[in-house]
Amino acid sequence: ELRRPSIVRRNPRLQALGEDIVDLDSFSEQHFKSKALRAAG
């Protein structure tokens, strides 16, 4: 199960449909914040 958080999923109707909408905030946090920390380390 992959992590695909989305502010749109807070709508129950859309949440039921399981739309694959990516929250830019969570996506950048998950993918690039960790990379920046690794590069700094």
Full PDB file with SEQRES, HELIX, SHEET, SSBOND, CRYST1, ORIGX, SCALE, CONECT and MASTER records, all heavy atoms in Angstrom:
SEQRES   1 A   41  GLU LEU ARG ARG PRO SER ILE VAL ARG ARG ASN PRO ARG          
SEQRES   2 A   41  LEU GLN ALA LEU GLY GLU ASP ILE VAL ASP LEU ASP SER          
SEQRES   3 A   41  PHE SER GLU GLN HIS PHE LYS SER LYS ALA LEU ARG ALA          
SEQRES   4 A   41  ALA GLY                                                      
HELIX    1 AA1 ILE A    7  ARG A   10  5                                   4    
HELIX    2 AA2 PRO A   12  LEU A   17  1                                   6    
HELIX    3 AA3 LEU A   24  SER A   28  1                                   5    
HELIX    4 AA4 GLU A   29  LYS A   33  3                                   5    
HELIX    5 AA5 SER A   34  ALA A   40  1                                   7    
CRYST1    1.000    1.000    1.000  90.00  90.00  90.00 P 1           1          
ORIGX1      1.000000  0.000000  0.000000        0.00000                         
ORIGX2      0.000000  1.000000  0.000000        0.00000                         
ORIGX3      0.000000  0.000000  1.000000        0.00000                         
SCALE1      1.000000  0.000000  0.000000        0.00000                         
SCALE2      0.000000  1.000000  0.000000        0.00000                         
SCALE3      0.000000  0.000000  1.000000        0.00000                         
ATOM      1  N   GLU A   1       0.847  -1.191   0.000  1.00  0.00           N  
ATOM      2  CA  GLU A   1       0.000   0.000   0.000  1.00  0.00           C  
ATOM      3  C   GLU A   1       0.875   1.229   0.000  1.00  0.00           C  
ATOM      4  O   GLU A   1       1.650   1.462   0.905  1.00  0.00           O  
ATOM      5  CB  GLU A   1      -0.898   0.014   1.242  1.00  0.00           C  
ATOM      6  CG  GLU A   1      -1.859   1.205   1.231  1.00  0.00           C  
ATOM      7  CD  GLU A   1      -2.721   1.236   2.463  1.00  0.00           C  
ATOM      8  OE1 GLU A   1      -2.563   0.345   3.300  1.00  0.00           O  
ATOM      9  OE2 GLU A   1      -3.525   2.152   2.573  1.00  0.00           O  
ATOM     10  N   LEU A   2       0.768   2.031  -1.075  1.00  0.00           N  
ATOM     11  CA  LEU A   2       1.583   3.220  -1.197  1.00  0.00           C  
ATOM     12  C   LEU A   2       0.878   4.404  -0.598  1.00  0.00           C  
ATOM     13  O   LEU A   2      -0.342   4.496  -0.605  1.00  0.00           O  
ATOM     14  CB  LEU A   2       1.880   3.494  -2.673  1.00  0.00           C  
ATOM     15  CG  LEU A   2       2.674   2.400  -3.390  1.00  0.00           C  
ATOM     16  CD1 LEU A   2       2.835   2.766  -4.843  1.00  0.00           C  
ATOM     17  CD2 LEU A   2       4.007   2.183  -2.723  1.00  0.00           C  
ATOM     18  N   ARG A   3       1.671   5.354  -0.109  1.00  0.00           N  
ATOM     19  CA  ARG A   3       1.112   6.523   0.551  1.00  0.00           C  
ATOM     20  C   ARG A   3       0.751   7.571  -0.495  1.00  0.00           C  
ATOM     21  O   ARG A   3       1.627   8.095  -1.189  1.00  0.00           O  
ATOM     22  CB  ARG A   3       2.144   7.089   1.529  1.00  0.00           C  
ATOM     23  CG  ARG A   3       1.653   8.336   2.257  1.00  0.00           C  
ATOM     24  CD  ARG A   3       2.744   8.869   3.121  1.00  0.00           C  
ATOM     25  NE  ARG A   3       2.332  10.071   3.831  1.00  0.00           N  
ATOM     26  CZ  ARG A   3       3.127  10.803   4.571  1.00  0.00           C  
ATOM     27  NH1 ARG A   3       4.384  10.441   4.701  1.00  0.00           N  
ATOM     28  NH2 ARG A   3       2.689  11.881   5.197  1.00  0.00           N  
ATOM     29  N   ARG A   4      -0.573   7.913  -0.629  1.00  0.00           N  
ATOM     30  CA  ARG A   4      -1.021   8.948  -1.549  1.00  0.00           C  
ATOM     31  C   ARG A   4      -1.984   9.876  -0.822  1.00  0.00           C  
ATOM     32  O   ARG A   4      -3.190   9.881  -1.074  1.00  0.00           O  
ATOM     33  CB  ARG A   4      -1.722   8.328  -2.762  1.00  0.00           C  
ATOM     34  CG  ARG A   4      -0.796   7.529  -3.679  1.00  0.00           C  
ATOM     35  CD  ARG A   4      -1.515   7.153  -4.950  1.00  0.00           C  
ATOM     36  NE  ARG A   4      -0.662   6.380  -5.839  1.00  0.00           N  
ATOM     37  CZ  ARG A   4      -0.580   5.066  -5.839  1.00  0.00           C  
ATOM     38  NH1 ARG A   4      -1.296   4.384  -4.988  1.00  0.00           N  
ATOM     39  NH2 ARG A   4       0.201   4.452  -6.680  1.00  0.00           N  
ATOM     40  N   PRO A   5      -1.504  10.672   0.137  1.00  0.00           N  
ATOM     41  CA  PRO A   5      -2.393  11.553   0.884  1.00  0.00           C  
ATOM     42  C   PRO A   5      -2.908  12.674  -0.022  1.00  0.00           C  
ATOM     43  O   PRO A   5      -2.189  13.126  -0.915  1.00  0.00           O  
ATOM     44  CB  PRO A   5      -1.503  12.111   1.986  1.00  0.00           C  
ATOM     45  CG  PRO A   5      -0.125  12.038   1.421  1.00  0.00           C  
ATOM     46  CD  PRO A   5      -0.096  10.846   0.532  1.00  0.00           C  
ATOM     47  N   SER A   6      -4.126  13.115   0.232  1.00  0.00           N  
ATOM     48  CA  SER A   6      -4.711  14.178  -0.572  1.00  0.00           C  
ATOM     49  C   SER A   6      -5.735  14.931   0.246  1.00  0.00           C  
ATOM     50  O   SER A   6      -6.533  14.339   0.966  1.00  0.00           O  
ATOM     51  CB  SER A   6      -5.377  13.607  -1.834  1.00  0.00           C  
ATOM     52  OG  SER A   6      -6.055  14.620  -2.535  1.00  0.00           O  
ATOM     53  N   ILE A   7      -5.708  16.266   0.139  1.00  0.00           N  
ATOM     54  CA  ILE A   7      -6.719  17.064   0.836  1.00  0.00           C  
ATOM     55  C   ILE A   7      -8.083  16.869   0.208  1.00  0.00           C  
ATOM     56  O   ILE A   7      -9.107  17.151   0.825  1.00  0.00           O  
ATOM     57  CB  ILE A   7      -6.332  18.554   0.812  1.00  0.00           C  
ATOM     58  CG1 ILE A   7      -6.176  19.032  -0.638  1.00  0.00           C  
ATOM     59  CG2 ILE A   7      -5.048  18.790   1.586  1.00  0.00           C  
ATOM     60  CD1 ILE A   7      -5.924  20.513  -0.762  1.00  0.00           C  
ATOM     61  N   VAL A   8      -8.151  16.400  -1.008  1.00  0.00           N  
ATOM     62  CA  VAL A   8      -9.450  16.172  -1.659  1.00  0.00           C  
ATOM     63  C   VAL A   8     -10.139  14.971  -1.060  1.00  0.00           C  
ATOM     64  O   VAL A   8     -11.358  14.861  -1.059  1.00  0.00           O  
ATOM     65  CB  VAL A   8      -9.252  15.997  -3.181  1.00  0.00           C  
ATOM     66  CG1 VAL A   8     -10.576  15.856  -3.898  1.00  0.00           C  
ATOM     67  CG2 VAL A   8      -8.460  17.173  -3.744  1.00  0.00           C  
ATOM     68  N   ARG A   9      -9.380  14.019  -0.517  1.00  0.00           N  
ATOM     69  CA  ARG A   9      -9.959  12.802   0.031  1.00  0.00           C  
ATOM     70  C   ARG A   9     -10.777  13.084   1.280  1.00  0.00           C  
ATOM     71  O   ARG A   9     -11.437  12.195   1.779  1.00  0.00           O  
ATOM     72  CB  ARG A   9      -8.861  11.782   0.360  1.00  0.00           C  
ATOM     73  CG  ARG A   9      -8.253  11.157  -0.899  1.00  0.00           C  
ATOM     74  CD  ARG A   9      -7.372  10.012  -0.526  1.00  0.00           C  
ATOM     75  NE  ARG A   9      -6.731   9.439  -1.707  1.00  0.00           N  
ATOM     76  CZ  ARG A   9      -5.896   8.427  -1.666  1.00  0.00           C  
ATOM     77  NH1 ARG A   9      -5.579   7.905  -0.504  1.00  0.00           N  
ATOM     78  NH2 ARG A   9      -5.373   7.942  -2.760  1.00  0.00           N  
ATOM     79  N   ARG A  10     -10.658  14.273   1.829  1.00  0.00           N  
ATOM     80  CA  ARG A  10     -11.476  14.595   2.991  1.00  0.00           C  
ATOM     81  C   ARG A  10     -12.967  14.645   2.602  1.00  0.00           C  
ATOM     82  O   ARG A  10     -13.806  14.561   3.462  1.00  0.00           O  
ATOM     83  CB  ARG A  10     -11.023  15.941   3.567  1.00  0.00           C  
ATOM     84  CG  ARG A  10      -9.557  15.881   4.041  1.00  0.00           C  
ATOM     85  CD  ARG A  10      -9.088  17.241   4.507  1.00  0.00           C  
ATOM     86  NE  ARG A  10      -7.639  17.233   4.734  1.00  0.00           N  
ATOM     87  CZ  ARG A  10      -7.087  16.924   5.886  1.00  0.00           C  
ATOM     88  NH1 ARG A  10      -7.825  16.606   6.920  1.00  0.00           N  
ATOM     89  NH2 ARG A  10      -5.771  16.924   6.013  1.00  0.00           N  
ATOM     90  N   ASN A  11     -13.241  14.782   1.302  1.00  0.00           N  
ATOM     91  CA  ASN A  11     -14.618  14.674   0.808  1.00  0.00           C  
ATOM     92  C   ASN A  11     -14.978  13.204   0.742  1.00  0.00           C  
ATOM     93  O   ASN A  11     -14.376  12.443  -0.003  1.00  0.00           O  
ATOM     94  CB  ASN A  11     -14.710  15.306  -0.590  1.00  0.00           C  
ATOM     95  CG  ASN A  11     -16.150  15.422  -1.066  1.00  0.00           C  
ATOM     96  OD1 ASN A  11     -16.981  14.573  -0.738  1.00  0.00           O  
ATOM     97  ND2 ASN A  11     -16.445  16.452  -1.850  1.00  0.00           N  
ATOM     98  N   PRO A  12     -15.981  12.771   1.501  1.00  0.00           N  
ATOM     99  CA  PRO A  12     -16.286  11.337   1.554  1.00  0.00           C  
ATOM    100  C   PRO A  12     -16.606  10.743   0.202  1.00  0.00           C  
ATOM    101  O   PRO A  12     -16.281   9.595  -0.075  1.00  0.00           O  
ATOM    102  CB  PRO A  12     -17.484  11.268   2.495  1.00  0.00           C  
ATOM    103  CG  PRO A  12     -17.403  12.510   3.301  1.00  0.00           C  
ATOM    104  CD  PRO A  12     -16.831  13.548   2.411  1.00  0.00           C  
ATOM    105  N   ARG A  13     -17.264  11.575  -0.661  1.00  0.00           N  
ATOM    106  CA  ARG A  13     -17.642  11.046  -1.954  1.00  0.00           C  
ATOM    107  C   ARG A  13     -16.427  10.705  -2.798  1.00  0.00           C  
ATOM    108  O   ARG A  13     -16.319   9.645  -3.376  1.00  0.00           O  
ATOM    109  CB  ARG A  13     -18.459  12.114  -2.699  1.00  0.00           C  
ATOM    110  CG  ARG A  13     -19.742  11.548  -3.245  1.00  0.00           C  
ATOM    111  CD  ARG A  13     -20.570  12.575  -3.970  1.00  0.00           C  
ATOM    112  NE  ARG A  13     -19.891  13.839  -4.140  1.00  0.00           N  
ATOM    113  CZ  ARG A  13     -20.361  14.805  -4.924  1.00  0.00           C  
ATOM    114  NH1 ARG A  13     -21.495  14.632  -5.543  1.00  0.00           N  
ATOM    115  NH2 ARG A  13     -19.723  15.936  -5.037  1.00  0.00           N  
ATOM    116  N   LEU A  14     -15.453  11.664  -2.783  1.00  0.00           N  
ATOM    117  CA  LEU A  14     -14.234  11.427  -3.547  1.00  0.00           C  
ATOM    118  C   LEU A  14     -13.364  10.358  -2.898  1.00  0.00           C  
ATOM    119  O   LEU A  14     -12.682   9.602  -3.556  1.00  0.00           O  
ATOM    120  CB  LEU A  14     -13.445  12.728  -3.668  1.00  0.00           C  
ATOM    121  CG  LEU A  14     -14.146  13.843  -4.459  1.00  0.00           C  
ATOM    122  CD1 LEU A  14     -13.313  15.105  -4.429  1.00  0.00           C  
ATOM    123  CD2 LEU A  14     -14.452  13.409  -5.872  1.00  0.00           C  
ATOM    124  N   GLN A  15     -13.453  10.307  -1.581  1.00  0.00           N  
ATOM    125  CA  GLN A  15     -12.661   9.304  -0.878  1.00  0.00           C  
ATOM    126  C   GLN A  15     -13.127   7.914  -1.244  1.00  0.00           C  
ATOM    127  O   GLN A  15     -12.344   6.989  -1.342  1.00  0.00           O  
ATOM    128  CB  GLN A  15     -12.753   9.528   0.622  1.00  0.00           C  
ATOM    129  CG  GLN A  15     -11.722   8.719   1.413  1.00  0.00           C  
ATOM    130  CD  GLN A  15     -11.741   9.103   2.863  1.00  0.00           C  
ATOM    131  OE1 GLN A  15     -12.676   9.784   3.309  1.00  0.00           O  
ATOM    132  NE2 GLN A  15     -10.738   8.703   3.583  1.00  0.00           N  
ATOM    133  N   ALA A  16     -14.407   7.772  -1.445  1.00  0.00           N  
ATOM    134  CA  ALA A  16     -14.937   6.467  -1.814  1.00  0.00           C  
ATOM    135  C   ALA A  16     -14.493   6.063  -3.202  1.00  0.00           C  
ATOM    136  O   ALA A  16     -14.307   4.882  -3.492  1.00  0.00           O  
ATOM    137  CB  ALA A  16     -16.462   6.494  -1.737  1.00  0.00           C  
ATOM    138  N   LEU A  17     -14.362   7.065  -4.072  1.00  0.00           N  
ATOM    139  CA  LEU A  17     -13.939   6.755  -5.426  1.00  0.00           C  
ATOM    140  C   LEU A  17     -12.461   6.373  -5.488  1.00  0.00           C  
ATOM    141  O   LEU A  17     -12.010   5.753  -6.442  1.00  0.00           O  
ATOM    142  CB  LEU A  17     -14.190   7.954  -6.345  1.00  0.00           C  
ATOM    143  CG  LEU A  17     -15.664   8.322  -6.553  1.00  0.00           C  
ATOM    144  CD1 LEU A  17     -15.764   9.600  -7.368  1.00  0.00           C  
ATOM    145  CD2 LEU A  17     -16.413   7.185  -7.236  1.00  0.00           C  
ATOM    146  N   GLY A  18     -11.747   6.792  -4.444  1.00  0.00           N  
ATOM    147  CA  GLY A  18     -10.302   6.429  -4.394  1.00  0.00           C  
ATOM    148  C   GLY A  18      -9.514   7.097  -5.490  1.00  0.00           C  
ATOM    149  O   GLY A  18      -8.684   6.475  -6.142  1.00  0.00           O  
ATOM    150  N   GLU A  19      -9.783   8.385  -5.745  1.00  0.00           N  
ATOM    151  CA  GLU A  19      -9.079   9.078  -6.800  1.00  0.00           C  
ATOM    152  C   GLU A  19      -7.578   9.176  -6.465  1.00  0.00           C  
ATOM    153  O   GLU A  19      -7.202   9.391  -5.316  1.00  0.00           O  
ATOM    154  CB  GLU A  19      -9.652  10.488  -6.973  1.00  0.00           C  
ATOM    155  CG  GLU A  19     -11.059  10.458  -7.558  1.00  0.00           C  
ATOM    156  CD  GLU A  19     -11.597  11.867  -7.730  1.00  0.00           C  
ATOM    157  OE1 GLU A  19     -10.823  12.814  -7.497  1.00  0.00           O  
ATOM    158  OE2 GLU A  19     -12.739  11.997  -8.086  1.00  0.00           O  
ATOM    159  N   ASP A  20      -6.806   9.065  -7.476  1.00  0.00           N  
ATOM    160  CA  ASP A  20      -5.355   9.112  -7.309  1.00  0.00           C  
ATOM    161  C   ASP A  20      -4.878  10.543  -7.494  1.00  0.00           C  
ATOM    162  O   ASP A  20      -4.274  10.899  -8.495  1.00  0.00           O  
ATOM    163  CB  ASP A  20      -4.685   8.176  -8.313  1.00  0.00           C  
ATOM    164  CG  ASP A  20      -3.241   7.954  -7.982  1.00  0.00           C  
ATOM    165  OD1 ASP A  20      -2.837   8.314  -6.863  1.00  0.00           O  
ATOM    166  OD2 ASP A  20      -2.525   7.422  -8.836  1.00  0.00           O  
ATOM    167  N   ILE A  21      -5.175  11.389  -6.508  1.00  0.00           N  
ATOM    168  CA  ILE A  21      -4.771  12.788  -6.564  1.00  0.00           C  
ATOM    169  C   ILE A  21      -3.671  12.994  -5.533  1.00  0.00           C  
ATOM    170  O   ILE A  21      -3.817  12.648  -4.369  1.00  0.00           O  
ATOM    171  CB  ILE A  21      -5.962  13.713  -6.278  1.00  0.00           C  
ATOM    172  CG1 ILE A  21      -7.065  13.439  -7.285  1.00  0.00           C  
ATOM    173  CG2 ILE A  21      -5.517  15.156  -6.306  1.00  0.00           C  
ATOM    174  CD1 ILE A  21      -8.314  14.233  -7.019  1.00  0.00           C  
ATOM    175  N   VAL A  22      -2.598  13.598  -5.992  1.00  0.00           N  
ATOM    176  CA  VAL A  22      -1.423  13.750  -5.129  1.00  0.00           C  
ATOM    177  C   VAL A  22      -1.425  15.132  -4.506  1.00  0.00           C  
ATOM    178  O   VAL A  22      -1.581  16.139  -5.194  1.00  0.00           O  
ATOM    179  CB  VAL A  22      -0.130  13.538  -5.944  1.00  0.00           C  
ATOM    180  CG1 VAL A  22       1.095  13.765  -5.064  1.00  0.00           C  
ATOM    181  CG2 VAL A  22      -0.115  12.148  -6.543  1.00  0.00           C  
ATOM    182  N   ASP A  23      -1.276  15.158  -3.195  1.00  0.00           N  
ATOM    183  CA  ASP A  23      -1.099  16.417  -2.480  1.00  0.00           C  
ATOM    184  C   ASP A  23       0.362  16.852  -2.638  1.00  0.00           C  
ATOM    185  O   ASP A  23       1.285  16.161  -2.222  1.00  0.00           O  
ATOM    186  CB  ASP A  23      -1.428  16.196  -0.992  1.00  0.00           C  
ATOM    187  CG  ASP A  23      -1.197  17.476  -0.188  1.00  0.00           C  
ATOM    188  OD1 ASP A  23      -1.051  18.535  -0.805  1.00  0.00           O  
ATOM    189  OD2 ASP A  23      -1.168  17.357   1.046  1.00  0.00           O  
ATOM    190  N   LEU A  24       0.584  18.023  -3.290  1.00  0.00           N  
ATOM    191  CA  LEU A  24       1.941  18.489  -3.558  1.00  0.00           C  
ATOM    192  C   LEU A  24       2.756  18.674  -2.291  1.00  0.00           C  
ATOM    193  O   LEU A  24       3.949  18.411  -2.239  1.00  0.00           O  
ATOM    194  CB  LEU A  24       1.873  19.806  -4.340  1.00  0.00           C  
ATOM    195  CG  LEU A  24       3.208  20.376  -4.825  1.00  0.00           C  
ATOM    196  CD1 LEU A  24       3.893  19.381  -5.748  1.00  0.00           C  
ATOM    197  CD2 LEU A  24       2.986  21.702  -5.534  1.00  0.00           C  
ATOM    198  N   ASP A  25       2.080  19.141  -1.237  1.00  0.00           N  
ATOM    199  CA  ASP A  25       2.778  19.346   0.032  1.00  0.00           C  
ATOM    200  C   ASP A  25       3.337  18.039   0.567  1.00  0.00           C  
ATOM    201  O   ASP A  25       4.531  17.907   0.858  1.00  0.00           O  
ATOM    202  CB  ASP A  25       1.795  19.985   1.015  1.00  0.00           C  
ATOM    203  CG  ASP A  25       2.423  20.194   2.378  1.00  0.00           C  
ATOM    204  OD1 ASP A  25       3.666  20.189   2.469  1.00  0.00           O  
ATOM    205  OD2 ASP A  25       1.673  20.331   3.343  1.00  0.00           O  
ATOM    206  N   SER A  26       2.492  17.040   0.685  1.00  0.00           N  
ATOM    207  CA  SER A  26       2.942  15.751   1.239  1.00  0.00           C  
ATOM    208  C   SER A  26       3.937  15.078   0.319  1.00  0.00           C  
ATOM    209  O   SER A  26       4.889  14.436   0.757  1.00  0.00           O  
ATOM    210  CB  SER A  26       1.726  14.839   1.464  1.00  0.00           C  
ATOM    211  OG  SER A  26       0.839  15.445   2.368  1.00  0.00           O  
ATOM    212  N   PHE A  27       3.715  15.239  -0.991  1.00  0.00           N  
ATOM    213  CA  PHE A  27       4.620  14.592  -1.938  1.00  0.00           C  
ATOM    214  C   PHE A  27       6.039  15.162  -1.834  1.00  0.00           C  
ATOM    215  O   PHE A  27       7.023  14.428  -1.777  1.00  0.00           O  
ATOM    216  CB  PHE A  27       4.089  14.800  -3.363  1.00  0.00           C  
ATOM    217  CG  PHE A  27       4.887  14.082  -4.410  1.00  0.00           C  
ATOM    218  CD1 PHE A  27       4.615  12.765  -4.717  1.00  0.00           C  
ATOM    219  CD2 PHE A  27       5.929  14.723  -5.069  1.00  0.00           C  
ATOM    220  CE1 PHE A  27       5.341  12.112  -5.676  1.00  0.00           C  
ATOM    221  CE2 PHE A  27       6.658  14.065  -6.029  1.00  0.00           C  
ATOM    222  CZ  PHE A  27       6.364  12.747  -6.344  1.00  0.00           C  
ATOM    223  N   SER A  28       6.136  16.498  -1.802  1.00  0.00           N  
ATOM    224  CA  SER A  28       7.461  17.110  -1.684  1.00  0.00           C  
ATOM    225  C   SER A  28       8.113  16.778  -0.354  1.00  0.00           C  
ATOM    226  O   SER A  28       9.316  16.572  -0.261  1.00  0.00           O  
ATOM    227  CB  SER A  28       7.355  18.624  -1.862  1.00  0.00           C  
ATOM    228  OG  SER A  28       6.552  19.158  -0.830  1.00  0.00           O  
ATOM    229  N   GLU A  29       7.270  16.738   0.712  1.00  0.00           N  
ATOM    230  CA  GLU A  29       7.812  16.385   2.027  1.00  0.00           C  
ATOM    231  C   GLU A  29       8.369  14.981   2.029  1.00  0.00           C  
ATOM    232  O   GLU A  29       9.467  14.715   2.519  1.00  0.00           O  
ATOM    233  CB  GLU A  29       6.712  16.525   3.073  1.00  0.00           C  
ATOM    234  CG  GLU A  29       7.088  15.934   4.442  1.00  0.00           C  
ATOM    235  CD  GLU A  29       8.209  16.703   5.076  1.00  0.00           C  
ATOM    236  OE1 GLU A  29       8.389  17.887   4.742  1.00  0.00           O  
ATOM    237  OE2 GLU A  29       8.932  16.104   5.874  1.00  0.00           O  
ATOM    238  N   GLN A  30       7.622  14.068   1.427  1.00  0.00           N  
ATOM    239  CA  GLN A  30       8.006  12.659   1.485  1.00  0.00           C  
ATOM    240  C   GLN A  30       9.245  12.379   0.642  1.00  0.00           C  
ATOM    241  O   GLN A  30      10.134  11.643   1.038  1.00  0.00           O  
ATOM    242  CB  GLN A  30       6.851  11.786   0.995  1.00  0.00           C  
ATOM    243  CG  GLN A  30       7.193  10.294   0.969  1.00  0.00           C  
ATOM    244  CD  GLN A  30       6.034   9.498   0.406  1.00  0.00           C  
ATOM    245  OE1 GLN A  30       4.955  10.046   0.175  1.00  0.00           O  
ATOM    246  NE2 GLN A  30       6.256   8.221   0.198  1.00  0.00           N  
ATOM    247  N   HIS A  31       9.298  13.006  -0.546  1.00  0.00           N  
ATOM    248  CA  HIS A  31      10.341  12.625  -1.494  1.00  0.00           C  
ATOM    249  C   HIS A  31      11.576  13.493  -1.430  1.00  0.00           C  
ATOM    250  O   HIS A  31      12.671  13.024  -1.652  1.00  0.00           O  
ATOM    251  CB  HIS A  31       9.775  12.657  -2.925  1.00  0.00           C  
ATOM    252  CG  HIS A  31       8.784  11.572  -3.181  1.00  0.00           C  
ATOM    253  ND1 HIS A  31       9.145  10.330  -3.629  1.00  0.00           N  
ATOM    254  CD2 HIS A  31       7.447  11.552  -3.030  1.00  0.00           C  
ATOM    255  CE1 HIS A  31       8.065   9.572  -3.764  1.00  0.00           C  
ATOM    256  NE2 HIS A  31       7.015  10.307  -3.414  1.00  0.00           N  
ATOM    257  N   PHE A  32      11.416  14.797  -1.185  1.00  0.00           N  
ATOM    258  CA  PHE A  32      12.553  15.685  -1.328  1.00  0.00           C  
ATOM    259  C   PHE A  32      13.142  16.138  -0.011  1.00  0.00           C  
ATOM    260  O   PHE A  32      14.316  16.445   0.077  1.00  0.00           O  
ATOM    261  CB  PHE A  32      12.151  16.903  -2.167  1.00  0.00           C  
ATOM    262  CG  PHE A  32      11.728  16.510  -3.548  1.00  0.00           C  
ATOM    263  CD1 PHE A  32      10.393  16.545  -3.903  1.00  0.00           C  
ATOM    264  CD2 PHE A  32      12.668  16.089  -4.458  1.00  0.00           C  
ATOM    265  CE1 PHE A  32      10.017  16.180  -5.172  1.00  0.00           C  
ATOM    266  CE2 PHE A  32      12.270  15.725  -5.729  1.00  0.00           C  
ATOM    267  CZ  PHE A  32      10.941  15.756  -6.105  1.00  0.00           C  
ATOM    268  N   LYS A  33      12.321  16.227   1.026  1.00  0.00           N  
ATOM    269  CA  LYS A  33      12.858  16.608   2.327  1.00  0.00           C  
ATOM    270  C   LYS A  33      13.859  15.560   2.816  1.00  0.00           C  
ATOM    271  O   LYS A  33      14.940  15.876   3.307  1.00  0.00           O  
ATOM    272  CB  LYS A  33      11.699  16.764   3.326  1.00  0.00           C  
ATOM    273  CG  LYS A  33      12.180  17.106   4.737  1.00  0.00           C  
ATOM    274  CD  LYS A  33      12.766  18.501   4.763  1.00  0.00           C  
ATOM    275  CE  LYS A  33      13.268  18.824   6.172  1.00  0.00           C  
ATOM    276  NZ  LYS A  33      12.192  18.788   7.138  1.00  0.00           N  
ATOM    277  N   SER A  34      13.513  14.307   2.657  1.00  0.00           N  
ATOM    278  CA  SER A  34      14.419  13.244   3.092  1.00  0.00           C  
ATOM    279  C   SER A  34      15.703  13.247   2.259  1.00  0.00           C  
ATOM    280  O   SER A  34      16.794  12.994   2.755  1.00  0.00           O  
ATOM    281  CB  SER A  34      13.731  11.883   2.989  1.00  0.00           C  
ATOM    282  OG  SER A  34      13.312  11.650   1.649  1.00  0.00           O  
ATOM    283  N   LYS A  35      15.553  13.557   0.938  1.00  0.00           N  
ATOM    284  CA  LYS A  35      16.750  13.609   0.095  1.00  0.00           C  
ATOM    285  C   LYS A  35      17.687  14.732   0.532  1.00  0.00           C  
ATOM    286  O   LYS A  35      18.915  14.575   0.567  1.00  0.00           O  
ATOM    287  CB  LYS A  35      16.350  13.801  -1.360  1.00  0.00           C  
ATOM    288  CG  LYS A  35      17.559  13.944  -2.273  1.00  0.00           C  
ATOM    289  CD  LYS A  35      17.149  14.221  -3.679  1.00  0.00           C  
ATOM    290  CE  LYS A  35      18.395  14.460  -4.541  1.00  0.00           C  
ATOM    291  NZ  LYS A  35      18.057  14.749  -5.927  1.00  0.00           N  
ATOM    292  N   ALA A  36      17.090  15.906   0.828  1.00  0.00           N  
ATOM    293  CA  ALA A  36      17.914  17.030   1.285  1.00  0.00           C  
ATOM    294  C   ALA A  36      18.652  16.692   2.575  1.00  0.00           C  
ATOM    295  O   ALA A  36      19.818  17.032   2.755  1.00  0.00           O  
ATOM    296  CB  ALA A  36      17.036  18.264   1.477  1.00  0.00           C  
ATOM    297  N   LEU A  37      17.964  16.003   3.494  1.00  0.00           N  
ATOM    298  CA  LEU A  37      18.610  15.618   4.746  1.00  0.00           C  
ATOM    299  C   LEU A  37      19.744  14.629   4.501  1.00  0.00           C  
ATOM    300  O   LEU A  37      20.803  14.707   5.104  1.00  0.00           O  
ATOM    301  CB  LEU A  37      17.583  15.025   5.709  1.00  0.00           C  
ATOM    302  CG  LEU A  37      16.557  16.019   6.281  1.00  0.00           C  
ATOM    303  CD1 LEU A  37      15.504  15.271   7.074  1.00  0.00           C  
ATOM    304  CD2 LEU A  37      17.249  17.054   7.150  1.00  0.00           C  
ATOM    305  N   ARG A  38      19.502  13.689   3.581  1.00  0.00           N  
ATOM    306  CA  ARG A  38      20.550  12.720   3.280  1.00  0.00           C  
ATOM    307  C   ARG A  38      21.766  13.396   2.642  1.00  0.00           C  
ATOM    308  O   ARG A  38      22.905  13.077   2.935  1.00  0.00           O  
ATOM    309  CB  ARG A  38      20.015  11.627   2.347  1.00  0.00           C  
ATOM    310  CG  ARG A  38      19.064  10.655   3.025  1.00  0.00           C  
ATOM    311  CD  ARG A  38      18.944   9.381   2.194  1.00  0.00           C  
ATOM    312  NE  ARG A  38      18.502   9.659   0.822  1.00  0.00           N  
ATOM    313  CZ  ARG A  38      17.214   9.751   0.467  1.00  0.00           C  
ATOM    314  NH1 ARG A  38      16.260   9.589   1.375  1.00  0.00           N  
ATOM    315  NH2 ARG A  38      16.895   9.982  -0.788  1.00  0.00           N  
ATOM    316  N   ALA A  39      21.487  14.325   1.719  1.00  0.00           N  
ATOM    317  CA  ALA A  39      22.597  15.051   1.084  1.00  0.00           C  
ATOM    318  C   ALA A  39      23.391  15.847   2.102  1.00  0.00           C  
ATOM    319  O   ALA A  39      24.626  15.890   2.070  1.00  0.00           O  
ATOM    320  CB  ALA A  39      22.050  15.965  -0.010  1.00  0.00           C  
ATOM    321  N   ALA A  40      22.672  16.513   3.031  1.00  0.00           N  
ATOM    322  CA  ALA A  40      23.371  17.286   4.059  1.00  0.00           C  
ATOM    323  C   ALA A  40      24.201  16.381   4.955  1.00  0.00           C  
ATOM    324  O   ALA A  40      25.329  16.703   5.322  1.00  0.00           O  
ATOM    325  CB  ALA A  40      22.361  18.082   4.890  1.00  0.00           C  
ATOM    326  N   GLY A  41      23.643  15.231   5.316  1.00  0.00           N  
ATOM    327  CA  GLY A  41      24.389  14.294   6.157  1.00  0.00           C  
ATOM    328  C   GLY A  41      25.621  13.764   5.438  1.00  0.00           C  
ATOM    329  O   GLY A  41      26.686  13.614   6.017  1.00  0.00           O  
TER     330      GLY A  41                                                      
MASTER        0    0    0    5    0    0    0    6  329    1    0    4          
END                                                                             
